[in-house]
Amino acid sequence: MADVAVTVKIFPEDVERLEEIKAAAGKIVRIAKSDAEDIGFGLKALKIVFVMDDAGGVDEIEQKLSSIPGVSQVQVEDVRRI
């Protein structure tokens, strides 16, 4: 089995909770890279690259990330085998 890198963009309900959301996301899957991305008008999103086994489902992780308190929306941007 190979690993896959999954890039997701997490939109918080409040910009002040980015670090809290990142910490909670790190408990769900292994974080390879993370950055705060400016969206505009003072809004930011958390862009995270996760590394996971290719047998796992991306939809399941998307649902788990969406259930983190303070998360408004989650978008899967890219999935690649590594």
C-alpha atoms as a PDB file:
ATOM      1  CA  MET A   1       0.000   0.000   0.000  1.00  0.00           C
ATOM      2  CA  ALA A   2       1.169   3.500  -0.789  1.00  0.00           C
ATOM      3  CA  ASP A   3       0.673   6.760   1.032  1.00  0.00           C
ATOM      4  CA  VAL A   4      -1.319   9.650  -0.375  1.00  0.00           C
ATOM      5  CA  ALA A   5      -0.958  13.367   0.240  1.00  0.00           C
ATOM      6  CA  VAL A   6      -4.312  15.090   0.649  1.00  0.00           C
ATOM      7  CA  THR A   7      -4.481  18.887   0.451  1.00  0.00           C
ATOM      8  CA  VAL A   8      -7.497  20.426   2.175  1.00  0.00           C
ATOM      9  CA  LYS A   9      -8.577  23.984   2.796  1.00  0.00           C
ATOM     10  CA  ILE A  10     -10.384  24.529   6.093  1.00  0.00           C
ATOM     11  CA  PHE A  11     -12.465  27.670   6.494  1.00  0.00           C
ATOM     12  CA  PRO A  12     -12.935  28.682  10.151  1.00  0.00           C
ATOM     13  CA  GLU A  13     -15.973  30.427  11.579  1.00  0.00           C
ATOM     14  CA  ASP A  14     -13.549  32.758  13.413  1.00  0.00           C
ATOM     15  CA  VAL A  15      -9.994  33.608  12.305  1.00  0.00           C
ATOM     16  CA  GLU A  16      -8.833  33.573  15.929  1.00  0.00           C
ATOM     17  CA  ARG A  17      -9.386  29.777  16.103  1.00  0.00           C
ATOM     18  CA  LEU A  18      -6.913  28.722  13.375  1.00  0.00           C
ATOM     19  CA  GLU A  19      -4.363  27.215  15.775  1.00  0.00           C
ATOM     20  CA  GLU A  20      -7.075  25.429  17.748  1.00  0.00           C
ATOM     21  CA  ILE A  21      -8.480  23.929  14.541  1.00  0.00           C
ATOM     22  CA  LYS A  22      -4.994  22.907  13.377  1.00  0.00           C
ATOM     23  CA  ALA A  23      -4.358  21.128  16.685  1.00  0.00           C
ATOM     24  CA  ALA A  24      -7.669  19.265  16.446  1.00  0.00           C
ATOM     25  CA  ALA A  25      -6.987  18.300  12.815  1.00  0.00           C
ATOM     26  CA  GLY A  26      -3.581  16.926  13.833  1.00  0.00           C
ATOM     27  CA  LYS A  27      -5.344  14.465  16.120  1.00  0.00           C
ATOM     28  CA  ILE A  28      -7.352  13.112  13.169  1.00  0.00           C
ATOM     29  CA  VAL A  29      -4.517  12.547  10.661  1.00  0.00           C
ATOM     30  CA  ARG A  30      -0.776  13.146  10.313  1.00  0.00           C
ATOM     31  CA  ILE A  31      -0.044  16.717   9.137  1.00  0.00           C
ATOM     32  CA  ALA A  32       2.847  17.104   6.688  1.00  0.00           C
ATOM     33  CA  LYS A  33       2.492  20.845   6.054  1.00  0.00           C
ATOM     34  CA  SER A  34       0.157  23.661   7.045  1.00  0.00           C
ATOM     35  CA  ASP A  35      -0.187  27.334   6.178  1.00  0.00           C
ATOM     36  CA  ALA A  36      -2.663  30.120   6.836  1.00  0.00           C
ATOM     37  CA  GLU A  37      -3.896  31.462   3.510  1.00  0.00           C
ATOM     38  CA  ASP A  38      -5.351  34.946   3.083  1.00  0.00           C
ATOM     39  CA  ILE A  39      -8.743  34.878   1.412  1.00  0.00           C
ATOM     40  CA  GLY A  40      -9.514  38.588   1.543  1.00  0.00           C
ATOM     41  CA  PHE A  41     -11.093  41.230   3.758  1.00  0.00           C
ATOM     42  CA  GLY A  42      -9.201  39.900   6.780  1.00  0.00           C
ATOM     43  CA  LEU A  43     -10.457  36.339   6.320  1.00  0.00           C
ATOM     44  CA  LYS A  44      -8.044  33.401   6.402  1.00  0.00           C
ATOM     45  CA  ALA A  45      -8.256  29.704   5.671  1.00  0.00           C
ATOM     46  CA  LEU A  46      -6.049  26.913   6.924  1.00  0.00           C
ATOM     47  CA  LYS A  47      -4.423  24.972   4.086  1.00  0.00           C
ATOM     48  CA  ILE A  48      -3.172  21.602   5.306  1.00  0.00           C
ATOM     49  CA  VAL A  49      -1.437  18.701   3.576  1.00  0.00           C
ATOM     50  CA  PHE A  50      -2.134  15.378   5.268  1.00  0.00           C
ATOM     51  CA  VAL A  51      -0.322  12.123   4.652  1.00  0.00           C
ATOM     52  CA  MET A  52      -2.423   8.997   4.973  1.00  0.00           C
ATOM     53  CA  ASP A  53      -2.656   5.410   3.772  1.00  0.00           C
ATOM     54  CA  ASP A  54      -4.315   5.096   0.370  1.00  0.00           C
ATOM     55  CA  ALA A  55      -6.775   2.561   1.789  1.00  0.00           C
ATOM     56  CA  GLY A  56      -8.423   5.276   3.894  1.00  0.00           C
ATOM     57  CA  GLY A  57     -11.327   7.267   2.567  1.00  0.00           C
ATOM     58  CA  VAL A  58     -10.940  10.980   1.887  1.00  0.00           C
ATOM     59  CA  ASP A  59     -14.685  11.495   2.374  1.00  0.00           C
ATOM     60  CA  GLU A  60     -14.459  10.118   5.901  1.00  0.00           C
ATOM     61  CA  ILE A  61     -11.632  12.507   6.793  1.00  0.00           C
ATOM     62  CA  GLU A  62     -13.527  15.420   5.253  1.00  0.00           C
ATOM     63  CA  GLN A  63     -16.505  14.615   7.496  1.00  0.00           C
ATOM     64  CA  LYS A  64     -14.304  14.351  10.587  1.00  0.00           C
ATOM     65  CA  LEU A  65     -12.642  17.693   9.822  1.00  0.00           C
ATOM     66  CA  SER A  66     -16.043  19.309   9.264  1.00  0.00           C
ATOM     67  CA  SER A  67     -17.137  18.161  12.712  1.00  0.00           C
ATOM     68  CA  ILE A  68     -14.321  20.073  14.470  1.00  0.00           C
ATOM     69  CA  PRO A  69     -15.821  22.926  16.529  1.00  0.00           C
ATOM     70  CA  GLY A  70     -15.264  26.252  14.775  1.00  0.00           C
ATOM     71  CA  VAL A  71     -14.975  24.826  11.242  1.00  0.00           C
ATOM     72  CA  SER A  72     -17.295  26.432   8.727  1.00  0.00           C
ATOM     73  CA  GLN A  73     -16.338  24.495   5.589  1.00  0.00           C
ATOM     74  CA  VAL A  74     -13.781  21.957   4.318  1.00  0.00           C
ATOM     75  CA  GLN A  75     -12.649  21.651   0.690  1.00  0.00           C
ATOM     76  CA  VAL A  76     -10.474  18.835  -0.605  1.00  0.00           C
ATOM     77  CA  GLU A  77      -8.192  20.470  -3.174  1.00  0.00           C
ATOM     78  CA  ASP A  78      -5.848  17.661  -4.209  1.00  0.00           C
ATOM     79  CA  VAL A  79      -5.152  13.966  -3.655  1.00  0.00           C
ATOM     80  CA  ARG A  80      -1.828  12.460  -4.849  1.00  0.00           C
ATOM     81  CA  ARG A  81       0.039   9.212  -4.337  1.00  0.00           C
ATOM     82  CA  ILE A  82       3.497   9.646  -2.878  1.00  0.00           C
END
